[in-house]
PDB file of N, CA and C in Angstrom:
ATOM      1  N   MET A   1     -53.423-255.447 -34.058  1.00  0.00           N
ATOM      2  CA  MET A   1     -54.881-254.992 -33.771  1.00  0.00           C
ATOM      3  C   MET A   1     -55.604-254.768 -35.030  1.00  0.00           C
ATOM      4  N   PRO A   2     -56.295-255.651 -35.577  1.00  0.00           N
ATOM      5  CA  PRO A   2     -56.972-255.391 -36.732  1.00  0.00           C
ATOM      6  C   PRO A   2     -58.416-254.531 -36.444  1.00  0.00           C
ATOM      7  N   LEU A   3     -58.751-253.839 -37.235  1.00  0.00           N
ATOM      8  CA  LEU A   3     -59.967-253.063 -37.124  1.00  0.00           C
ATOM      9  C   LEU A   3     -61.160-253.868 -37.262  1.00  0.00           C
ATOM     10  N   PHE A   4     -61.946-253.715 -36.231  1.00  0.00           N
ATOM     11  CA  PHE A   4     -63.331-254.421 -36.225  1.00  0.00           C
ATOM     12  C   PHE A   4     -64.493-253.417 -36.653  1.00  0.00           C
ATOM     13  N   ALA A   5     -64.287-252.914 -37.746  1.00  0.00           N
ATOM     14  CA  ALA A   5     -65.439-252.072 -38.350  1.00  0.00           C
ATOM     15  C   ALA A   5     -65.688-252.552 -39.693  1.00  0.00           C
ATOM     16  N   ARG A   6     -66.983-252.254 -40.107  1.00  0.00           N
ATOM     17  CA  ARG A   6     -67.338-252.622 -41.446  1.00  0.00           C
ATOM     18  C   ARG A   6     -66.782-251.754 -42.651  1.00  0.00           C
ATOM     19  N   TRP A   7     -66.478-252.356 -43.712  1.00  0.00           N
ATOM     20  CA  TRP A   7     -65.908-251.453 -44.850  1.00  0.00           C
ATOM     21  C   TRP A   7     -67.075-250.706 -45.285  1.00  0.00           C
ATOM     22  N   ARG A   8     -66.788-249.378 -45.778  1.00  0.00           N
ATOM     23  CA  ARG A   8     -67.743-248.465 -46.398  1.00  0.00           C
ATOM     24  C   ARG A   8     -67.165-248.048 -47.686  1.00  0.00           C
ATOM     25  N   PRO A   9     -68.039-247.813 -48.655  1.00  0.00           N
ATOM     26  CA  PRO A   9     -67.556-247.263 -49.872  1.00  0.00           C
ATOM     27  C   PRO A   9     -66.942-245.828 -49.617  1.00  0.00           C
ATOM     28  N   LEU A  10     -65.749-245.398 -50.399  1.00  0.00           N
ATOM     29  CA  LEU A  10     -65.291-244.159 -50.156  1.00  0.00           C
ATOM     30  C   LEU A  10     -66.319-243.065 -50.438  1.00  0.00           C
ATOM     31  N   SER A  11     -67.317-243.259 -51.187  1.00  0.00           N
ATOM     32  CA  SER A  11     -68.461-242.226 -51.505  1.00  0.00           C
ATOM     33  C   SER A  11     -69.257-241.880 -50.196  1.00  0.00           C
ATOM     34  N   SER A  12     -69.099-242.617 -49.122  1.00  0.00           N
ATOM     35  CA  SER A  12     -69.868-242.564 -47.987  1.00  0.00           C
ATOM     36  C   SER A  12     -69.003-241.777 -46.930  1.00  0.00           C
ATOM     37  N   LEU A  13     -67.932-241.225 -47.167  1.00  0.00           N
ATOM     38  CA  LEU A  13     -67.157-240.391 -46.354  1.00  0.00           C
ATOM     39  C   LEU A  13     -68.080-239.129 -45.647  1.00  0.00           C
ATOM     40  N   PRO A  14     -68.141-239.226 -44.331  1.00  0.00           N
ATOM     41  CA  PRO A  14     -68.949-238.103 -43.732  1.00  0.00           C
ATOM     42  C   PRO A  14     -68.458-236.658 -44.050  1.00  0.00           C
ATOM     43  N   PRO A  15     -69.205-235.654 -43.992  1.00  0.00           N
ATOM     44  CA  PRO A  15     -68.840-234.325 -44.261  1.00  0.00           C
ATOM     45  C   PRO A  15     -67.768-233.875 -43.176  1.00  0.00           C
ATOM     46  N   ARG A  16     -67.067-232.861 -43.376  1.00  0.00           N
ATOM     47  CA  ARG A  16     -66.289-232.335 -42.351  1.00  0.00           C
ATOM     48  C   ARG A  16     -66.902-232.068 -41.060  1.00  0.00           C
ATOM     49  N   ARG A  17     -66.142-232.410 -39.951  1.00  0.00           N
ATOM     50  CA  ARG A  17     -66.873-232.287 -38.718  1.00  0.00           C
ATOM     51  C   ARG A  17     -66.432-231.171 -37.785  1.00  0.00           C
ATOM     52  N   GLY A  18     -65.440-230.398 -38.206  1.00  0.00           N
ATOM     53  CA  GLY A  18     -65.065-229.247 -37.343  1.00  0.00           C
ATOM     54  C   GLY A  18     -64.742-229.706 -35.958  1.00  0.00           C
ATOM     55  N   ARG A  19     -65.311-229.128 -34.987  1.00  0.00           N
ATOM     56  CA  ARG A  19     -65.023-229.386 -33.453  1.00  0.00           C
ATOM     57  C   ARG A  19     -65.268-230.855 -33.050  1.00  0.00           C
ATOM     58  N   GLU A  20     -66.200-231.321 -33.676  1.00  0.00           N
ATOM     59  CA  GLU A  20     -66.623-232.826 -33.422  1.00  0.00           C
ATOM     60  C   GLU A  20     -65.694-233.988 -33.946  1.00  0.00           C
ATOM     61  N   ALA A  21     -64.641-233.531 -34.662  1.00  0.00           N
ATOM     62  CA  ALA A  21     -63.843-234.487 -35.290  1.00  0.00           C
ATOM     63  C   ALA A  21     -63.220-235.373 -34.210  1.00  0.00           C
ATOM     64  N   GLN A  22     -62.862-236.673 -34.720  1.00  0.00           N
ATOM     65  CA  GLN A  22     -62.203-237.667 -33.740  1.00  0.00           C
ATOM     66  C   GLN A  22     -61.013-238.207 -34.317  1.00  0.00           C
ATOM     67  N   PRO A  23     -60.021-238.287 -33.530  1.00  0.00           N
ATOM     68  CA  PRO A  23     -58.717-239.032 -33.943  1.00  0.00           C
ATOM     69  C   PRO A  23     -58.973-240.520 -34.278  1.00  0.00           C
ATOM     70  N   GLY A  24     -58.296-241.309 -35.020  1.00  0.00           N
ATOM     71  CA  GLY A  24     -58.432-242.584 -35.109  1.00  0.00           C
ATOM     72  C   GLY A  24     -57.420-243.364 -36.023  1.00  0.00           C
ATOM     73  N   VAL A  25     -57.704-244.476 -36.185  1.00  0.00           N
ATOM     74  CA  VAL A  25     -56.804-245.393 -37.077  1.00  0.00           C
ATOM     75  C   VAL A  25     -57.813-245.899 -38.245  1.00  0.00           C
ATOM     76  N   TYR A  26     -57.279-245.876 -39.449  1.00  0.00           N
ATOM     77  CA  TYR A  26     -58.137-246.297 -40.617  1.00  0.00           C
ATOM     78  C   TYR A  26     -57.472-247.227 -41.653  1.00  0.00           C
ATOM     79  N   GLU A  27     -58.109-248.025 -42.265  1.00  0.00           N
ATOM     80  CA  GLU A  27     -57.706-248.938 -43.346  1.00  0.00           C
ATOM     81  C   GLU A  27     -58.376-248.465 -44.582  1.00  0.00           C
ATOM     82  N   LEU A  28     -57.770-248.581 -45.759  1.00  0.00           N
ATOM     83  CA  LEU A  28     -58.252-248.294 -47.006  1.00  0.00           C
ATOM     84  C   LEU A  28     -58.096-249.560 -47.785  1.00  0.00           C
ATOM     85  N   ALA A  29     -59.185-249.949 -48.714  1.00  0.00           N
ATOM     86  CA  ALA A  29     -58.976-251.231 -49.268  1.00  0.00           C
ATOM     87  C   ALA A  29     -59.377-251.140 -50.832  1.00  0.00           C
ATOM     88  N   ASP A  30     -59.094-252.063 -51.607  1.00  0.00           N
ATOM     89  CA  ASP A  30     -59.299-252.057 -53.077  1.00  0.00           C
ATOM     90  C   ASP A  30     -60.738-252.591 -53.204  1.00  0.00           C
ATOM     91  N   ALA A  31     -61.215-252.955 -54.473  1.00  0.00           N
ATOM     92  CA  ALA A  31     -62.489-253.275 -54.787  1.00  0.00           C
ATOM     93  C   ALA A  31     -62.846-254.651 -54.363  1.00  0.00           C
ATOM     94  N   GLU A  32     -61.873-255.489 -53.988  1.00  0.00           N
ATOM     95  CA  GLU A  32     -61.876-256.770 -53.421  1.00  0.00           C
ATOM     96  C   GLU A  32     -61.985-256.690 -51.921  1.00  0.00           C
ATOM     97  N   LYS A  33     -61.809-255.484 -51.274  1.00  0.00           N
ATOM     98  CA  LYS A  33     -61.740-255.287 -49.913  1.00  0.00           C
ATOM     99  C   LYS A  33     -60.423-256.013 -49.230  1.00  0.00           C
ATOM    100  N   ARG A  34     -59.307-255.875 -50.032  1.00  0.00           N
ATOM    101  CA  ARG A  34     -58.111-256.153 -49.552  1.00  0.00           C
ATOM    102  C   ARG A  34     -57.453-255.035 -48.972  1.00  0.00           C
ATOM    103  N   THR A  35     -56.774-254.952 -47.939  1.00  0.00           N
ATOM    104  CA  THR A  35     -56.218-253.689 -47.257  1.00  0.00           C
ATOM    105  C   THR A  35     -55.043-253.345 -48.146  1.00  0.00           C
ATOM    106  N   LEU A  36     -55.201-252.099 -48.527  1.00  0.00           N
ATOM    107  CA  LEU A  36     -54.061-251.343 -49.348  1.00  0.00           C
ATOM    108  C   LEU A  36     -53.309-250.416 -48.431  1.00  0.00           C
ATOM    109  N   TYR A  37     -53.933-249.816 -47.360  1.00  0.00           N
ATOM    110  CA  TYR A  37     -53.158-248.913 -46.565  1.00  0.00           C
ATOM    111  C   TYR A  37     -53.779-248.805 -45.235  1.00  0.00           C
ATOM    112  N   VAL A  38     -52.806-248.541 -44.181  1.00  0.00           N
ATOM    113  CA  VAL A  38     -53.218-248.410 -42.880  1.00  0.00           C
ATOM    114  C   VAL A  38     -52.718-247.041 -42.442  1.00  0.00           C
ATOM    115  N   GLY A  39     -53.563-246.211 -41.919  1.00  0.00           N
ATOM    116  CA  GLY A  39     -53.096-244.909 -41.451  1.00  0.00           C
ATOM    117  C   GLY A  39     -53.699-244.431 -40.303  1.00  0.00           C
ATOM    118  N   GLN A  40     -53.331-243.152 -39.758  1.00  0.00           N
ATOM    119  CA  GLN A  40     -53.816-242.690 -38.577  1.00  0.00           C
ATOM    120  C   GLN A  40     -54.046-241.206 -38.621  1.00  0.00           C
ATOM    121  N   SER A  41     -54.881-240.596 -37.882  1.00  0.00           N
ATOM    122  CA  SER A  41     -55.161-239.260 -37.987  1.00  0.00           C
ATOM    123  C   SER A  41     -55.228-238.778 -36.445  1.00  0.00           C
ATOM    124  N   GLY A  42     -54.505-237.834 -36.052  1.00  0.00           N
ATOM    125  CA  GLY A  42     -54.685-237.270 -34.741  1.00  0.00           C
ATOM    126  C   GLY A  42     -55.818-236.102 -34.615  1.00  0.00           C
ATOM    127  N   ARG A  43     -56.433-235.953 -35.848  1.00  0.00           N
ATOM    128  CA  ARG A  43     -57.527-234.967 -35.790  1.00  0.00           C
ATOM    129  C   ARG A  43     -58.742-235.534 -36.220  1.00  0.00           C
ATOM    130  N   ASP A  44     -58.931-235.833 -37.594  1.00  0.00           N
ATOM    131  CA  ASP A  44     -60.146-236.267 -38.206  1.00  0.00           C
ATOM    132  C   ASP A  44     -59.904-237.293 -39.342  1.00  0.00           C
ATOM    133  N   VAL A  45     -60.252-238.469 -39.166  1.00  0.00           N
ATOM    134  CA  VAL A  45     -59.965-239.587 -40.149  1.00  0.00           C
ATOM    135  C   VAL A  45     -60.455-239.222 -41.567  1.00  0.00           C
ATOM    136  N   PRO A  46     -61.817-238.714 -41.701  1.00  0.00           N
ATOM    137  CA  PRO A  46     -62.259-238.681 -43.023  1.00  0.00           C
ATOM    138  C   PRO A  46     -61.649-237.547 -43.815  1.00  0.00           C
ATOM    139  N   ASN A  47     -61.167-236.640 -43.016  1.00  0.00           N
ATOM    140  CA  ASN A  47     -60.392-235.500 -43.705  1.00  0.00           C
ATOM    141  C   ASN A  47     -59.035-235.915 -44.198  1.00  0.00           C
ATOM    142  N   ARG A  48     -58.464-236.833 -43.355  1.00  0.00           N
ATOM    143  CA  ARG A  48     -57.150-237.426 -43.796  1.00  0.00           C
ATOM    144  C   ARG A  48     -57.270-238.346 -44.920  1.00  0.00           C
ATOM    145  N   ILE A  49     -58.252-239.068 -45.126  1.00  0.00           N
ATOM    146  CA  ILE A  49     -58.547-239.988 -46.211  1.00  0.00           C
ATOM    147  C   ILE A  49     -58.682-238.953 -47.451  1.00  0.00           C
ATOM    148  N   ARG A  50     -59.505-237.968 -47.385  1.00  0.00           N
ATOM    149  CA  ARG A  50     -59.755-236.998 -48.550  1.00  0.00           C
ATOM    150  C   ARG A  50     -58.300-236.427 -48.873  1.00  0.00           C
ATOM    151  N   GLN A  51     -57.364-236.079 -48.052  1.00  0.00           N
ATOM    152  CA  GLN A  51     -56.078-235.745 -48.385  1.00  0.00           C
ATOM    153  C   GLN A  51     -55.297-236.709 -49.325  1.00  0.00           C
ATOM    154  N   HIS A  52     -55.534-238.102 -48.836  1.00  0.00           N
ATOM    155  CA  HIS A  52     -54.745-239.078 -49.623  1.00  0.00           C
ATOM    156  C   HIS A  52     -55.464-239.215 -50.992  1.00  0.00           C
ATOM    157  N   LEU A  53     -56.583-239.132 -51.158  1.00  0.00           N
ATOM    158  CA  LEU A  53     -57.349-239.181 -52.416  1.00  0.00           C
ATOM    159  C   LEU A  53     -56.845-237.953 -53.293  1.00  0.00           C
ATOM    160  N   ALA A  54     -56.730-236.829 -52.723  1.00  0.00           N
ATOM    161  CA  ALA A  54     -56.518-235.574 -53.571  1.00  0.00           C
ATOM    162  C   ALA A  54     -55.006-235.592 -53.963  1.00  0.00           C
ATOM    163  N   ALA A  55     -54.163-236.313 -53.114  1.00  0.00           N
ATOM    164  CA  ALA A  55     -52.729-236.263 -53.513  1.00  0.00           C
ATOM    165  C   ALA A  55     -52.339-237.245 -54.728  1.00  0.00           C
ATOM    166  N   GLY A  56     -53.178-238.038 -55.213  1.00  0.00           N
ATOM    167  CA  GLY A  56     -52.949-238.967 -55.985  1.00  0.00           C
ATOM    168  C   GLY A  56     -52.087-240.058 -55.686  1.00  0.00           C
ATOM    169  N   GLY A  57     -51.582-241.024 -56.434  1.00  0.00           N
ATOM    170  CA  GLY A  57     -50.721-242.068 -56.131  1.00  0.00           C
ATOM    171  C   GLY A  57     -51.529-243.231 -55.787  1.00  0.00           C
ATOM    172  N   CYS A  58     -50.858-244.252 -55.233  1.00  0.00           N
ATOM    173  CA  CYS A  58     -51.285-245.470 -54.815  1.00  0.00           C
ATOM    174  C   CYS A  58     -52.795-245.561 -54.292  1.00  0.00           C
ATOM    175  N   VAL A  59     -52.977-244.785 -53.132  1.00  0.00           N
ATOM    176  CA  VAL A  59     -54.205-244.757 -52.593  1.00  0.00           C
ATOM    177  C   VAL A  59     -55.342-244.234 -53.441  1.00  0.00           C
ATOM    178  N   ALA A  60     -55.075-243.089 -54.125  1.00  0.00           N
ATOM    179  CA  ALA A  60     -56.124-242.687 -55.054  1.00  0.00           C
ATOM    180  C   ALA A  60     -56.515-243.482 -56.106  1.00  0.00           C
ATOM    181  N   GLU A  61     -55.316-244.041 -56.568  1.00  0.00           N
ATOM    182  CA  GLU A  61     -55.694-245.072 -57.717  1.00  0.00           C
ATOM    183  C   GLU A  61     -56.490-246.213 -57.376  1.00  0.00           C
ATOM    184  N   HIS A  62     -56.231-246.925 -56.334  1.00  0.00           N
ATOM    185  CA  HIS A  62     -56.852-248.239 -56.026  1.00  0.00           C
ATOM    186  C   HIS A  62     -57.844-248.409 -54.885  1.00  0.00           C
ATOM    187  N   ALA A  63     -57.834-247.355 -54.041  1.00  0.00           N
ATOM    188  CA  ALA A  63     -58.709-247.480 -52.823  1.00  0.00           C
ATOM    189  C   ALA A  63     -60.163-247.265 -53.196  1.00  0.00           C
ATOM    190  N   ARG A  64     -61.084-248.017 -52.692  1.00  0.00           N
ATOM    191  CA  ARG A  64     -62.545-247.998 -52.954  1.00  0.00           C
ATOM    192  C   ARG A  64     -63.233-248.084 -51.685  1.00  0.00           C
ATOM    193  N   TYR A  65     -62.727-248.587 -50.692  1.00  0.00           N
ATOM    194  CA  TYR A  65     -63.393-248.767 -49.417  1.00  0.00           C
ATOM    195  C   TYR A  65     -62.554-248.220 -48.203  1.00  0.00           C
ATOM    196  N   TRP A  66     -63.217-247.886 -47.094  1.00  0.00           N
ATOM    197  CA  TRP A  66     -62.610-247.357 -45.898  1.00  0.00           C
ATOM    198  C   TRP A  66     -63.208-248.011 -44.722  1.00  0.00           C
ATOM    199  N   ARG A  67     -62.564-248.009 -43.644  1.00  0.00           N
ATOM    200  CA  ARG A  67     -62.958-248.247 -42.289  1.00  0.00           C
ATOM    201  C   ARG A  67     -62.110-247.610 -41.299  1.00  0.00           C
ATOM    202  N   SER A  68     -62.802-247.309 -40.063  1.00  0.00           N
ATOM    203  CA  SER A  68     -61.909-246.665 -39.043  1.00  0.00           C
ATOM    204  C   SER A  68     -62.427-247.059 -37.729  1.00  0.00           C
ATOM    205  N   THR A  69     -61.594-246.708 -36.732  1.00  0.00           N
ATOM    206  CA  THR A  69     -61.949-246.852 -35.325  1.00  0.00           C
ATOM    207  C   THR A  69     -61.441-245.699 -34.551  1.00  0.00           C
ATOM    208  N   TYR A  70     -62.161-245.196 -33.577  1.00  0.00           N
ATOM    209  CA  TYR A  70     -61.591-244.085 -32.616  1.00  0.00           C
ATOM    210  C   TYR A  70     -60.337-244.613 -31.926  1.00  0.00           C
ATOM    211  N   SER A  71     -59.502-243.621 -31.728  1.00  0.00           N
ATOM    212  CA  SER A  71     -58.243-244.035 -31.008  1.00  0.00           C
ATOM    213  C   SER A  71     -57.764-242.805 -30.120  1.00  0.00           C
ATOM    214  N   ALA A  72     -57.472-242.984 -28.850  1.00  0.00           N
ATOM    215  CA  ALA A  72     -56.935-241.916 -28.117  1.00  0.00           C
ATOM    216  C   ALA A  72     -55.352-241.774 -28.327  1.00  0.00           C
ATOM    217  N   THR A  73     -54.863-242.943 -28.906  1.00  0.00           N
ATOM    218  CA  THR A  73     -53.381-242.940 -29.268  1.00  0.00           C
ATOM    219  C   THR A  73     -53.190-243.493 -30.659  1.00  0.00           C
ATOM    220  N   PRO A  74     -53.519-242.527 -31.702  1.00  0.00           N
ATOM    221  CA  PRO A  74     -53.595-243.198 -33.031  1.00  0.00           C
ATOM    222  C   PRO A  74     -52.179-243.573 -33.561  1.00  0.00           C
ATOM    223  N   LYS A  75     -51.145-243.015 -33.106  1.00  0.00           N
ATOM    224  CA  LYS A  75     -49.870-243.472 -33.624  1.00  0.00           C
ATOM    225  C   LYS A  75     -49.495-244.776 -33.091  1.00  0.00           C
ATOM    226  N   ALA A  76     -49.720-244.851 -31.937  1.00  0.00           N
ATOM    227  CA  ALA A  76     -49.480-246.320 -31.362  1.00  0.00           C
ATOM    228  C   ALA A  76     -50.224-247.387 -31.756  1.00  0.00           C
ATOM    229  N   ASP A  77     -51.537-247.103 -31.980  1.00  0.00           N
ATOM    230  CA  ASP A  77     -52.620-248.092 -32.537  1.00  0.00           C
ATOM    231  C   ASP A  77     -52.312-248.401 -34.124  1.00  0.00           C
ATOM    232  N   GLU A  78     -51.862-247.308 -34.847  1.00  0.00           N
ATOM    233  CA  GLU A  78     -51.445-247.504 -36.222  1.00  0.00           C
ATOM    234  C   GLU A  78     -50.237-248.456 -36.300  1.00  0.00           C
ATOM    235  N   ALA A  79     -49.274-248.243 -35.448  1.00  0.00           N
ATOM    236  CA  ALA A  79     -48.118-249.133 -35.411  1.00  0.00           C
ATOM    237  C   ALA A  79     -48.531-250.560 -35.114  1.00  0.00           C
ATOM    238  N   ASP A  80     -49.572-250.630 -34.053  1.00  0.00           N
ATOM    239  CA  ASP A  80     -49.969-252.153 -33.806  1.00  0.00           C
ATOM    240  C   ASP A  80     -50.639-252.750 -35.008  1.00  0.00           C
ATOM    241  N   ALA A  81     -51.573-251.949 -35.786  1.00  0.00           N
ATOM    242  CA  ALA A  81     -52.301-252.458 -36.948  1.00  0.00           C
ATOM    243  C   ALA A  81     -51.373-252.808 -37.997  1.00  0.00           C
ATOM    244  N   LEU A  82     -50.346-252.038 -38.225  1.00  0.00           N
ATOM    245  CA  LEU A  82     -49.147-252.386 -39.283  1.00  0.00           C
ATOM    246  C   LEU A  82     -48.513-253.655 -38.824  1.00  0.00           C
ATOM    247  N   ALA A  83     -48.080-253.683 -37.581  1.00  0.00           N
ATOM    248  CA  ALA A  83     -47.542-255.039 -37.122  1.00  0.00           C
ATOM    249  C   ALA A  83     -48.288-256.179 -37.318  1.00  0.00           C
ATOM    250  N   THR A  84     -49.666-256.200 -37.073  1.00  0.00           N
ATOM    251  CA  THR A  84     -50.453-257.259 -37.217  1.00  0.00           C
ATOM    252  C   THR A  84     -50.697-257.660 -38.528  1.00  0.00           C
ATOM    253  N   TYR A  85     -50.730-256.653 -39.406  1.00  0.00           N
ATOM    254  CA  TYR A  85     -50.864-256.898 -40.989  1.00  0.00           C
ATOM    255  C   TYR A  85     -49.534-257.619 -41.383  1.00  0.00           C
ATOM    256  N   ALA A  86     -48.460-257.067 -41.072  1.00  0.00           N
ATOM    257  CA  ALA A  86     -47.169-257.616 -41.430  1.00  0.00           C
ATOM    258  C   ALA A  86     -46.863-258.990 -40.828  1.00  0.00           C
ATOM    259  N   ALA A  87     -47.316-259.384 -39.678  1.00  0.00           N
ATOM    260  CA  ALA A  87     -47.207-260.761 -39.140  1.00  0.00           C
ATOM    261  C   ALA A  87     -48.083-261.750 -40.030  1.00  0.00           C
ATOM    262  N   ARG A  88     -49.301-261.204 -40.336  1.00  0.00           N
ATOM    263  CA  ARG A  88     -50.231-262.008 -41.080  1.00  0.00           C
ATOM    264  C   ARG A  88     -49.841-262.290 -42.785  1.00  0.00           C
ATOM    265  N   HIS A  89     -49.327-261.105 -43.285  1.00  0.00           N
ATOM    266  CA  HIS A  89     -49.110-261.177 -44.723  1.00  0.00           C
ATOM    267  C   HIS A  89     -47.610-261.096 -44.979  1.00  0.00           C
ATOM    268  N   GLY A  90     -46.688-261.020 -44.119  1.00  0.00           N
ATOM    269  CA  GLY A  90     -45.191-261.018 -44.430  1.00  0.00           C
ATOM    270  C   GLY A  90     -44.686-259.627 -44.954  1.00  0.00           C
ATOM    271  N   GLY A  91     -45.437-258.538 -44.722  1.00  0.00           N
ATOM    272  CA  GLY A  91     -44.906-257.179 -45.054  1.00  0.00           C
ATOM    273  C   GLY A  91     -45.969-256.234 -44.986  1.00  0.00           C
ATOM    274  N   LEU A  92     -45.689-254.997 -45.302  1.00  0.00           N
ATOM    275  CA  LEU A  92     -46.681-253.912 -45.036  1.00  0.00           C
ATOM    276  C   LEU A  92     -47.659-253.930 -46.380  1.00  0.00           C
ATOM    277  N   PRO A  93     -48.784-253.248 -45.932  1.00  0.00           N
ATOM    278  CA  PRO A  93     -49.905-253.129 -47.150  1.00  0.00           C
ATOM    279  C   PRO A  93     -49.253-252.462 -48.393  1.00  0.00           C
ATOM    280  N   PRO A  94     -49.694-252.751 -49.540  1.00  0.00           N
ATOM    281  CA  PRO A  94     -49.008-252.133 -50.720  1.00  0.00           C
ATOM    282  C   PRO A  94     -48.760-250.720 -50.764  1.00  0.00           C
ATOM    283  N   CYS A  95     -49.761-249.870 -50.273  1.00  0.00           N
ATOM    284  CA  CYS A  95     -49.668-248.492 -50.418  1.00  0.00           C
ATOM    285  C   CYS A  95     -48.782-247.926 -49.283  1.00  0.00           C
ATOM    286  N   ASN A  96     -48.712-248.662 -48.277  1.00  0.00           N
ATOM    287  CA  ASN A  96     -47.684-248.317 -47.151  1.00  0.00           C
ATOM    288  C   ASN A  96     -46.167-248.522 -47.545  1.00  0.00           C
ATOM    289  N   ARG A  97     -45.911-249.191 -48.505  1.00  0.00           N
ATOM    290  CA  ARG A  97     -44.639-249.474 -48.989  1.00  0.00           C
ATOM    291  C   ARG A  97     -44.026-248.388 -49.821  1.00  0.00           C
ATOM    292  N   GLN A  98     -44.823-247.515 -50.145  1.00  0.00           N
ATOM    293  CA  GLN A  98     -44.212-246.289 -50.858  1.00  0.00           C
ATOM    294  C   GLN A  98     -43.186-245.765 -50.151  1.00  0.00           C
ATOM    295  N   THR A  99     -42.120-245.355 -50.793  1.00  0.00           N
ATOM    296  CA  THR A  99     -40.929-244.560 -50.227  1.00  0.00           C
ATOM    297  C   THR A  99     -41.220-243.193 -49.699  1.00  0.00           C
ATOM    298  N   GLN A 100     -40.827-242.965 -48.451  1.00  0.00           N
ATOM    299  CA  GLN A 100     -40.994-241.628 -48.078  1.00  0.00           C
ATOM    300  C   GLN A 100     -39.983-240.614 -48.544  1.00  0.00           C
ATOM    301  N   VAL A 101     -40.373-239.293 -48.611  1.00  0.00           N
ATOM    302  CA  VAL A 101     -39.575-238.258 -49.018  1.00  0.00           C
ATOM    303  C   VAL A 101     -38.680-237.942 -47.948  1.00  0.00           C
ATOM    304  N   VAL A 102     -37.475-237.962 -48.069  1.00  0.00           N
ATOM    305  CA  VAL A 102     -36.388-237.699 -46.911  1.00  0.00           C
ATOM    306  C   VAL A 102     -36.187-236.138 -47.198  1.00  0.00           C
ATOM    307  N   ARG A 103     -36.379-235.379 -46.165  1.00  0.00           N
ATOM    308  CA  ARG A 103     -36.313-233.866 -46.297  1.00  0.00           C
ATOM    309  C   ARG A 103     -35.164-233.601 -45.088  1.00  0.00           C
ATOM    310  N   ASP A 104     -34.015-233.163 -45.634  1.00  0.00           N
ATOM    311  CA  ASP A 104     -32.877-232.728 -44.810  1.00  0.00           C
ATOM    312  C   ASP A 104     -33.090-231.194 -44.735  1.00  0.00           C
ATOM    313  N   GLY A 105     -32.241-230.608 -44.022  1.00  0.00           N
ATOM    314  CA  GLY A 105     -32.255-229.212 -43.728  1.00  0.00           C
ATOM    315  C   GLY A 105     -32.148-228.383 -44.954  1.00  0.00           C
ATOM    316  N   ASP A 106     -31.127-228.705 -45.887  1.00  0.00           N
ATOM    317  CA  ASP A 106     -31.108-228.044 -47.122  1.00  0.00           C
ATOM    318  C   ASP A 106     -32.281-227.953 -47.909  1.00  0.00           C
ATOM    319  N   ARG A 107     -32.970-229.266 -48.079  1.00  0.00           N
ATOM    320  CA  ARG A 107     -34.108-229.486 -48.837  1.00  0.00           C
ATOM    321  C   ARG A 107     -35.450-228.500 -48.283  1.00  0.00           C
ATOM    322  N   ARG A 108     -35.390-228.645 -47.032  1.00  0.00           N
ATOM    323  CA  ARG A 108     -36.432-227.642 -46.393  1.00  0.00           C
ATOM    324  C   ARG A 108     -36.267-226.271 -46.649  1.00  0.00           C
ATOM    325  N   LEU A 109     -35.141-225.769 -46.588  1.00  0.00           N
ATOM    326  CA  LEU A 109     -34.844-224.416 -46.789  1.00  0.00           C
ATOM    327  C   LEU A 109     -35.115-224.099 -48.296  1.00  0.00           C
ATOM    328  N   ALA A 110     -34.778-224.962 -49.128  1.00  0.00           N
ATOM    329  CA  ALA A 110     -35.229-224.798 -50.643  1.00  0.00           C
ATOM    330  C   ALA A 110     -36.579-224.728 -50.828  1.00  0.00           C
ATOM    331  N   GLU A 111     -37.387-225.656 -50.352  1.00  0.00           N
ATOM    332  CA  GLU A 111     -38.911-225.668 -50.175  1.00  0.00           C
ATOM    333  C   GLU A 111     -39.436-224.358 -49.783  1.00  0.00           C
ATOM    334  N   ARG A 112     -38.903-223.825 -48.528  1.00  0.00           N
ATOM    335  CA  ARG A 112     -39.533-222.659 -47.926  1.00  0.00           C
ATOM    336  C   ARG A 112     -39.204-221.424 -48.966  1.00  0.00           C
ATOM    337  N   LEU A 113     -37.966-221.296 -49.401  1.00  0.00           N
ATOM    338  CA  LEU A 113     -37.620-220.301 -50.349  1.00  0.00           C
ATOM    339  C   LEU A 113     -38.570-220.280 -51.712  1.00  0.00           C
ATOM    340  N   ARG A 114     -38.793-221.453 -52.014  1.00  0.00           N
ATOM    341  CA  ARG A 114     -39.697-221.600 -53.225  1.00  0.00           C
ATOM    342  C   ARG A 114     -41.184-221.106 -52.935  1.00  0.00           C
ATOM    343  N   SER A 115     -41.618-221.335 -51.780  1.00  0.00           N
ATOM    344  CA  SER A 115     -42.959-221.175 -51.333  1.00  0.00           C
ATOM    345  C   SER A 115     -43.098-219.652 -51.101  1.00  0.00           C
ATOM    346  N   GLU A 116     -42.044-218.863 -50.728  1.00  0.00           N
ATOM    347  CA  GLU A 116     -42.097-217.526 -50.604  1.00  0.00           C
ATOM    348  C   GLU A 116     -42.050-216.588 -51.825  1.00  0.00           C
ATOM    349  N   GLU A 117     -41.611-217.303 -53.039  1.00  0.00           N
ATOM    350  CA  GLU A 117     -41.549-216.483 -54.163  1.00  0.00           C
ATOM    351  C   GLU A 117     -42.970-216.059 -54.766  1.00  0.00           C
TER     352      GLU A 117
END
């Protein structure tokens, strides 16, 4: 499921919406408008994009454009968008390939104890 929305510069992210926020699926692209990352938010897409930019890493370094679409089932639609991208390009978008942090029970406990100090 490719997104049929126009690319917008990251500087055009709308302000926080509060109660009017909408869930959806989004893509982030580089300066040449090549998809770098596909994601979803069950609450508010622009706020989720801001979180990516604040966290640093691949998205913050390379993303220049964004586009999104409303979704009542964002996790399922994100999976469809990633499957479509993988079928066309032979793999996941570059920033989706980042390795996930594996958090087992011991690691979660250590993180919790550190945050309480």
